[in-house]
């Protein structure tokens, strides 16, 4: 299968997001500080966000991703 064949095409069962969904997405991505990925920077530049609202607690080993802020953030991230 040729990868470039699908650039710009959407799957047949893809439903186009509503204007409300697009606005929610724009708001979501604007709330984060995006980080420049250093790995593969020369041939695959990209940015990412960290998806841990209580990541300090994660560093301390106190949160396993099951707290309410983590669950809520994960649900919003997946949406």
PDB file of N, CA and C in Angstrom:
ATOM      1  N   UNK A   1       0.839  -1.169   0.000  1.00  0.00           N
ATOM      2  CA  UNK A   1       0.000   0.000   0.000  1.00  0.00           C
ATOM      3  C   UNK A   1       0.888   1.237   0.000  1.00  0.00           C
ATOM      4  N   UNK A   2       0.566   2.165  -0.825  1.00  0.00           N
ATOM      5  CA  UNK A   2       1.339   3.391  -0.945  1.00  0.00           C
ATOM      6  C   UNK A   2       0.804   4.426   0.049  1.00  0.00           C
ATOM      7  N   UNK A   3       1.647   4.867   0.977  1.00  0.00           N
ATOM      8  CA  UNK A   3       1.208   5.787   2.024  1.00  0.00           C
ATOM      9  C   UNK A   3       0.730   7.113   1.448  1.00  0.00           C
ATOM     10  N   UNK A   4       1.459   7.686   0.505  1.00  0.00           N
ATOM     11  CA  UNK A   4       1.104   8.997  -0.035  1.00  0.00           C
ATOM     12  C   UNK A   4      -0.257   9.006  -0.711  1.00  0.00           C
ATOM     13  N   UNK A   5      -0.755   7.855  -1.075  1.00  0.00           N
ATOM     14  CA  UNK A   5      -2.049   7.771  -1.738  1.00  0.00           C
ATOM     15  C   UNK A   5      -3.156   8.353  -0.861  1.00  0.00           C
ATOM     16  N   UNK A   6      -3.001   8.274   0.466  1.00  0.00           N
ATOM     17  CA  UNK A   6      -4.072   8.664   1.373  1.00  0.00           C
ATOM     18  C   UNK A   6      -3.933  10.074   1.938  1.00  0.00           C
ATOM     19  N   UNK A   7      -2.893  10.785   1.572  1.00  0.00           N
ATOM     20  CA  UNK A   7      -2.734  12.141   2.090  1.00  0.00           C
ATOM     21  C   UNK A   7      -3.882  12.999   1.590  1.00  0.00           C
ATOM     22  N   UNK A   8      -4.568  13.637   2.532  1.00  0.00           N
ATOM     23  CA  UNK A   8      -5.678  14.515   2.181  1.00  0.00           C
ATOM     24  C   UNK A   8      -7.011  13.806   2.051  1.00  0.00           C
ATOM     25  N   UNK A   9      -7.035  12.491   2.154  1.00  0.00           N
ATOM     26  CA  UNK A   9      -8.280  11.736   2.052  1.00  0.00           C
ATOM     27  C   UNK A   9      -8.706  11.279   3.437  1.00  0.00           C
ATOM     28  N   UNK A  10     -10.009  11.220   3.648  1.00  0.00           N
ATOM     29  CA  UNK A  10     -10.554  10.728   4.904  1.00  0.00           C
ATOM     30  C   UNK A  10     -11.213   9.380   4.670  1.00  0.00           C
ATOM     31  N   UNK A  11     -11.230   8.531   5.686  1.00  0.00           N
ATOM     32  CA  UNK A  11     -11.925   7.248   5.545  1.00  0.00           C
ATOM     33  C   UNK A  11     -13.402   7.465   5.213  1.00  0.00           C
ATOM     34  N   UNK A  12     -13.990   6.529   4.508  1.00  0.00           N
ATOM     35  CA  UNK A  12     -15.388   6.658   4.093  1.00  0.00           C
ATOM     36  C   UNK A  12     -16.336   6.804   5.277  1.00  0.00           C
ATOM     37  N   UNK A  13     -16.020   6.162   6.404  1.00  0.00           N
ATOM     38  CA  UNK A  13     -16.910   6.220   7.564  1.00  0.00           C
ATOM     39  C   UNK A  13     -16.584   7.381   8.510  1.00  0.00           C
ATOM     40  N   UNK A  14     -15.722   8.295   8.078  1.00  0.00           N
ATOM     41  CA  UNK A  14     -15.327   9.434   8.902  1.00  0.00           C
ATOM     42  C   UNK A  14     -16.417  10.490   8.862  1.00  0.00           C
ATOM     43  N   UNK A  15     -16.870  10.917  10.028  1.00  0.00           N
ATOM     44  CA  UNK A  15     -17.860  11.986  10.064  1.00  0.00           C
ATOM     45  C   UNK A  15     -17.144  13.299  10.342  1.00  0.00           C
ATOM     46  N   UNK A  16     -17.417  14.271   9.529  1.00  0.00           N
ATOM     47  CA  UNK A  16     -16.781  15.574   9.666  1.00  0.00           C
ATOM     48  C   UNK A  16     -17.209  16.210  10.981  1.00  0.00           C
ATOM     49  N   UNK A  17     -16.248  16.770  11.755  1.00  0.00           N
ATOM     50  CA  UNK A  17     -16.613  17.387  13.028  1.00  0.00           C
ATOM     51  C   UNK A  17     -17.468  18.634  12.813  1.00  0.00           C
ATOM     52  N   UNK A  18     -18.339  18.888  13.764  1.00  0.00           N
ATOM     53  CA  UNK A  18     -19.176  20.086  13.704  1.00  0.00           C
ATOM     54  C   UNK A  18     -18.319  21.303  14.032  1.00  0.00           C
ATOM     55  N   UNK A  19     -18.851  22.469  13.786  1.00  0.00           N
ATOM     56  CA  UNK A  19     -18.135  23.703  14.117  1.00  0.00           C
ATOM     57  C   UNK A  19     -17.907  23.787  15.629  1.00  0.00           C
ATOM     58  N   UNK A  20     -18.871  23.333  16.416  1.00  0.00           N
ATOM     59  CA  UNK A  20     -18.730  23.313  17.875  1.00  0.00           C
ATOM     60  C   UNK A  20     -17.569  22.404  18.287  1.00  0.00           C
ATOM     61  N   UNK A  21     -17.489  21.211  17.687  1.00  0.00           N
ATOM     62  CA  UNK A  21     -16.392  20.283  17.993  1.00  0.00           C
ATOM     63  C   UNK A  21     -15.047  20.866  17.597  1.00  0.00           C
ATOM     64  N   UNK A  22     -14.992  21.530  16.452  1.00  0.00           N
ATOM     65  CA  UNK A  22     -13.740  22.164  16.023  1.00  0.00           C
ATOM     66  C   UNK A  22     -13.326  23.260  16.995  1.00  0.00           C
ATOM     67  N   UNK A  23     -14.283  24.049  17.447  1.00  0.00           N
ATOM     68  CA  UNK A  23     -13.974  25.112  18.406  1.00  0.00           C
ATOM     69  C   UNK A  23     -13.498  24.538  19.732  1.00  0.00           C
ATOM     70  N   UNK A  24     -14.125  23.440  20.188  1.00  0.00           N
ATOM     71  CA  UNK A  24     -13.677  22.774  21.412  1.00  0.00           C
ATOM     72  C   UNK A  24     -12.251  22.268  21.257  1.00  0.00           C
ATOM     73  N   UNK A  25     -11.943  21.713  20.086  1.00  0.00           N
ATOM     74  CA  UNK A  25     -10.594  21.215  19.818  1.00  0.00           C
ATOM     75  C   UNK A  25      -9.578  22.356  19.814  1.00  0.00           C
ATOM     76  N   UNK A  26      -9.918  23.441  19.150  1.00  0.00           N
ATOM     77  CA  UNK A  26      -9.015  24.604  19.112  1.00  0.00           C
ATOM     78  C   UNK A  26      -8.737  25.122  20.519  1.00  0.00           C
ATOM     79  N   UNK A  27      -9.776  25.191  21.332  1.00  0.00           N
ATOM     80  CA  UNK A  27      -9.614  25.643  22.712  1.00  0.00           C
ATOM     81  C   UNK A  27      -8.727  24.672  23.494  1.00  0.00           C
ATOM     82  N   UNK A  28      -8.968  23.386  23.317  1.00  0.00           N
ATOM     83  CA  UNK A  28      -8.178  22.364  24.006  1.00  0.00           C
ATOM     84  C   UNK A  28      -6.694  22.494  23.678  1.00  0.00           C
ATOM     85  N   UNK A  29      -6.347  22.550  22.401  1.00  0.00           N
ATOM     86  CA  UNK A  29      -4.924  22.585  22.035  1.00  0.00           C
ATOM     87  C   UNK A  29      -4.267  23.909  22.401  1.00  0.00           C
ATOM     88  N   UNK A  30      -5.057  24.974  22.520  1.00  0.00           N
ATOM     89  CA  UNK A  30      -4.467  26.268  22.882  1.00  0.00           C
ATOM     90  C   UNK A  30      -4.141  26.364  24.375  1.00  0.00           C
ATOM     91  N   UNK A  31      -4.696  25.481  25.189  1.00  0.00           N
ATOM     92  CA  UNK A  31      -4.463  25.518  26.630  1.00  0.00           C
ATOM     93  C   UNK A  31      -3.104  24.953  27.042  1.00  0.00           C
ATOM     94  N   UNK A  32      -2.423  24.278  26.160  1.00  0.00           N
ATOM     95  CA  UNK A  32      -1.190  23.573  26.510  1.00  0.00           C
ATOM     96  C   UNK A  32       0.050  24.266  25.982  1.00  0.00           C
ATOM     97  N   UNK A  33       1.150  24.011  26.677  1.00  0.00           N
ATOM     98  CA  UNK A  33       2.455  24.421  26.185  1.00  0.00           C
ATOM     99  C   UNK A  33       2.998  23.249  25.376  1.00  0.00           C
ATOM    100  N   UNK A  34       3.186  23.478  24.103  1.00  0.00           N
ATOM    101  CA  UNK A  34       3.666  22.421  23.217  1.00  0.00           C
ATOM    102  C   UNK A  34       5.176  22.350  23.289  1.00  0.00           C
ATOM    103  N   UNK A  35       5.710  21.141  23.263  1.00  0.00           N
ATOM    104  CA  UNK A  35       7.155  20.922  23.346  1.00  0.00           C
ATOM    105  C   UNK A  35       7.675  20.418  22.000  1.00  0.00           C
ATOM    106  N   UNK A  36       8.805  20.956  21.614  1.00  0.00           N
ATOM    107  CA  UNK A  36       9.450  20.502  20.388  1.00  0.00           C
ATOM    108  C   UNK A  36      10.124  19.165  20.667  1.00  0.00           C
ATOM    109  N   UNK A  37       9.779  18.163  19.890  1.00  0.00           N
ATOM    110  CA  UNK A  37      10.368  16.833  20.075  1.00  0.00           C
ATOM    111  C   UNK A  37      11.792  16.825  19.530  1.00  0.00           C
ATOM    112  N   UNK A  38      12.720  16.391  20.342  1.00  0.00           N
ATOM    113  CA  UNK A  38      14.131  16.354  19.932  1.00  0.00           C
ATOM    114  C   UNK A  38      14.477  15.072  19.170  1.00  0.00           C
ATOM    115  N   UNK A  39      13.780  13.982  19.481  1.00  0.00           N
ATOM    116  CA  UNK A  39      14.039  12.718  18.811  1.00  0.00           C
ATOM    117  C   UNK A  39      13.590  12.809  17.357  1.00  0.00           C
ATOM    118  N   UNK A  40      14.417  12.414  16.465  1.00  0.00           N
ATOM    119  CA  UNK A  40      14.133  12.426  15.019  1.00  0.00           C
ATOM    120  C   UNK A  40      13.852  13.836  14.501  1.00  0.00           C
ATOM    121  N   UNK A  41      14.388  14.828  15.157  1.00  0.00           N
ATOM    122  CA  UNK A  41      14.131  16.226  14.813  1.00  0.00           C
ATOM    123  C   UNK A  41      14.500  16.560  13.368  1.00  0.00           C
ATOM    124  N   UNK A  42      15.543  15.927  12.846  1.00  0.00           N
ATOM    125  CA  UNK A  42      16.012  16.266  11.511  1.00  0.00           C
ATOM    126  C   UNK A  42      15.107  15.760  10.389  1.00  0.00           C
ATOM    127  N   UNK A  43      14.455  14.611  10.583  1.00  0.00           N
ATOM    128  CA  UNK A  43      13.654  14.084   9.480  1.00  0.00           C
ATOM    129  C   UNK A  43      12.187  13.868   9.820  1.00  0.00           C
ATOM    130  N   UNK A  44      11.797  14.135  11.049  1.00  0.00           N
ATOM    131  CA  UNK A  44      10.385  14.014  11.410  1.00  0.00           C
ATOM    132  C   UNK A  44      10.043  15.012  12.517  1.00  0.00           C
ATOM    133  N   UNK A  45      10.179  16.312  12.211  1.00  0.00           N
ATOM    134  CA  UNK A  45       9.920  17.301  13.257  1.00  0.00           C
ATOM    135  C   UNK A  45       8.459  17.296  13.679  1.00  0.00           C
ATOM    136  N   UNK A  46       8.240  17.398  14.978  1.00  0.00           N
ATOM    137  CA  UNK A  46       6.881  17.454  15.501  1.00  0.00           C
ATOM    138  C   UNK A  46       6.898  18.011  16.915  1.00  0.00           C
ATOM    139  N   UNK A  47       5.724  18.326  17.415  1.00  0.00           N
ATOM    140  CA  UNK A  47       5.572  18.819  18.769  1.00  0.00           C
ATOM    141  C   UNK A  47       4.603  17.916  19.506  1.00  0.00           C
ATOM    142  N   UNK A  48       4.623  18.004  20.824  1.00  0.00           N
ATOM    143  CA  UNK A  48       3.732  17.179  21.631  1.00  0.00           C
ATOM    144  C   UNK A  48       3.376  17.916  22.915  1.00  0.00           C
ATOM    145  N   UNK A  49       2.368  17.405  23.593  1.00  0.00           N
ATOM    146  CA  UNK A  49       1.999  17.914  24.906  1.00  0.00           C
ATOM    147  C   UNK A  49       2.107  16.779  25.906  1.00  0.00           C
ATOM    148  N   UNK A  50       2.256  17.137  27.164  1.00  0.00           N
ATOM    149  CA  UNK A  50       2.203  16.134  28.221  1.00  0.00           C
ATOM    150  C   UNK A  50       0.770  16.074  28.717  1.00  0.00           C
ATOM    151  N   UNK A  51       0.277  14.885  28.868  1.00  0.00           N
ATOM    152  CA  UNK A  51      -1.116  14.673  29.191  1.00  0.00           C
ATOM    153  C   UNK A  51      -1.288  14.254  30.650  1.00  0.00           C
ATOM    154  N   UNK A  52      -0.623  14.924  31.568  1.00  0.00           N
ATOM    155  CA  UNK A  52      -0.722  14.571  32.977  1.00  0.00           C
ATOM    156  C   UNK A  52      -1.005  15.818  33.806  1.00  0.00           C
ATOM    157  N   UNK A  53      -2.255  16.055  34.205  1.00  0.00           N
ATOM    158  CA  UNK A  53      -2.547  17.249  35.002  1.00  0.00           C
ATOM    159  C   UNK A  53      -1.883  17.206  36.373  1.00  0.00           C
ATOM    160  N   UNK A  54      -1.627  16.040  36.899  1.00  0.00           N
ATOM    161  CA  UNK A  54      -0.998  15.961  38.217  1.00  0.00           C
ATOM    162  C   UNK A  54       0.361  15.285  38.083  1.00  0.00           C
ATOM    163  N   UNK A  55       1.113  15.650  37.069  1.00  0.00           N
ATOM    164  CA  UNK A  55       2.361  14.942  36.784  1.00  0.00           C
ATOM    165  C   UNK A  55       3.373  15.070  37.921  1.00  0.00           C
ATOM    166  N   UNK A  56       3.285  16.111  38.743  1.00  0.00           N
ATOM    167  CA  UNK A  56       4.171  16.198  39.910  1.00  0.00           C
ATOM    168  C   UNK A  56       3.892  15.028  40.843  1.00  0.00           C
ATOM    169  N   UNK A  57       2.611  14.747  41.048  1.00  0.00           N
ATOM    170  CA  UNK A  57       2.267  13.600  41.886  1.00  0.00           C
ATOM    171  C   UNK A  57       2.753  12.306  41.242  1.00  0.00           C
ATOM    172  N   UNK A  58       2.713  12.230  39.911  1.00  0.00           N
ATOM    173  CA  UNK A  58       3.196  11.027  39.236  1.00  0.00           C
ATOM    174  C   UNK A  58       4.684  10.836  39.507  1.00  0.00           C
ATOM    175  N   UNK A  59       5.448  11.945  39.469  1.00  0.00           N
ATOM    176  CA  UNK A  59       6.887  11.854  39.742  1.00  0.00           C
ATOM    177  C   UNK A  59       7.127  11.333  41.151  1.00  0.00           C
ATOM    178  N   UNK A  60       6.266  11.726  42.080  1.00  0.00           N
ATOM    179  CA  UNK A  60       6.406  11.288  43.465  1.00  0.00           C
ATOM    180  C   UNK A  60       5.859   9.879  43.679  1.00  0.00           C
ATOM    181  N   UNK A  61       5.246   9.318  42.640  1.00  0.00           N
ATOM    182  CA  UNK A  61       4.705   7.975  42.755  1.00  0.00           C
ATOM    183  C   UNK A  61       3.372   7.904  43.472  1.00  0.00           C
ATOM    184  N   UNK A  62       2.715   9.054  43.637  1.00  0.00           N
ATOM    185  CA  UNK A  62       1.464   9.067  44.380  1.00  0.00           C
ATOM    186  C   UNK A  62       0.239   8.907  43.479  1.00  0.00           C
ATOM    187  N   UNK A  63       0.378   9.111  42.193  1.00  0.00           N
ATOM    188  CA  UNK A  63      -0.768   8.995  41.292  1.00  0.00           C
ATOM    189  C   UNK A  63      -0.487   7.932  40.247  1.00  0.00           C
ATOM    190  N   UNK A  64      -1.424   7.047  40.059  1.00  0.00           N
ATOM    191  CA  UNK A  64      -1.286   5.985  39.057  1.00  0.00           C
ATOM    192  C   UNK A  64      -2.143   6.282  37.835  1.00  0.00           C
ATOM    193  N   UNK A  65      -2.596   7.539  37.699  1.00  0.00           N
ATOM    194  CA  UNK A  65      -3.436   7.915  36.569  1.00  0.00           C
ATOM    195  C   UNK A  65      -4.899   7.628  36.804  1.00  0.00           C
ATOM    196  N   UNK A  66      -5.263   7.280  38.033  1.00  0.00           N
ATOM    197  CA  UNK A  66      -6.648   6.939  38.356  1.00  0.00           C
ATOM    198  C   UNK A  66      -7.367   8.046  39.113  1.00  0.00           C
ATOM    199  N   UNK A  67      -6.699   9.154  39.403  1.00  0.00           N
ATOM    200  CA  UNK A  67      -7.352  10.245  40.117  1.00  0.00           C
ATOM    201  C   UNK A  67      -8.306  10.964  39.166  1.00  0.00           C
ATOM    202  N   UNK A  68      -9.232  11.727  39.709  1.00  0.00           N
ATOM    203  CA  UNK A  68     -10.232  12.402  38.881  1.00  0.00           C
ATOM    204  C   UNK A  68      -9.622  13.365  37.866  1.00  0.00           C
ATOM    205  N   UNK A  69      -8.623  14.204  38.240  1.00  0.00           N
ATOM    206  CA  UNK A  69      -8.029  15.085  37.213  1.00  0.00           C
ATOM    207  C   UNK A  69      -7.415  14.295  36.046  1.00  0.00           C
ATOM    208  N   UNK A  70      -6.756  13.181  36.343  1.00  0.00           N
ATOM    209  CA  UNK A  70      -6.154  12.371  35.277  1.00  0.00           C
ATOM    210  C   UNK A  70      -7.230  11.736  34.399  1.00  0.00           C
ATOM    211  N   UNK A  71      -8.264  11.193  35.023  1.00  0.00           N
ATOM    212  CA  UNK A  71      -9.342  10.566  34.253  1.00  0.00           C
ATOM    213  C   UNK A  71     -10.025  11.581  33.350  1.00  0.00           C
ATOM    214  N   UNK A  72     -10.307  12.758  33.907  1.00  0.00           N
ATOM    215  CA  UNK A  72     -10.971  13.796  33.136  1.00  0.00           C
ATOM    216  C   UNK A  72     -10.083  14.262  31.983  1.00  0.00           C
ATOM    217  N   UNK A  73      -8.797  14.468  32.278  1.00  0.00           N
ATOM    218  CA  UNK A  73      -7.883  14.916  31.240  1.00  0.00           C
ATOM    219  C   UNK A  73      -7.727  13.861  30.152  1.00  0.00           C
ATOM    220  N   UNK A  74      -7.650  12.598  30.539  1.00  0.00           N
ATOM    221  CA  UNK A  74      -7.496  11.528  29.555  1.00  0.00           C
ATOM    222  C   UNK A  74      -8.723  11.435  28.656  1.00  0.00           C
ATOM    223  N   UNK A  75      -9.897  11.570  29.251  1.00  0.00           N
ATOM    224  CA  UNK A  75     -11.134  11.529  28.476  1.00  0.00           C
ATOM    225  C   UNK A  75     -11.178  12.688  27.471  1.00  0.00           C
ATOM    226  N   UNK A  76     -10.793  13.883  27.934  1.00  0.00           N
ATOM    227  CA  UNK A  76     -10.768  15.046  27.047  1.00  0.00           C
ATOM    228  C   UNK A  76      -9.718  14.884  25.956  1.00  0.00           C
ATOM    229  N   UNK A  77      -8.562  14.344  26.309  1.00  0.00           N
ATOM    230  CA  UNK A  77      -7.492  14.101  25.344  1.00  0.00           C
ATOM    231  C   UNK A  77      -7.943  13.131  24.249  1.00  0.00           C
ATOM    232  N   UNK A  78      -8.597  12.052  24.643  1.00  0.00           N
ATOM    233  CA  UNK A  78      -9.039  11.053  23.676  1.00  0.00           C
ATOM    234  C   UNK A  78     -10.163  11.569  22.788  1.00  0.00           C
ATOM    235  N   UNK A  79     -10.984  12.443  23.344  1.00  0.00           N
ATOM    236  CA  UNK A  79     -12.066  13.046  22.547  1.00  0.00           C
ATOM    237  C   UNK A  79     -11.478  13.887  21.440  1.00  0.00           C
TER     238      UNK A  79
END
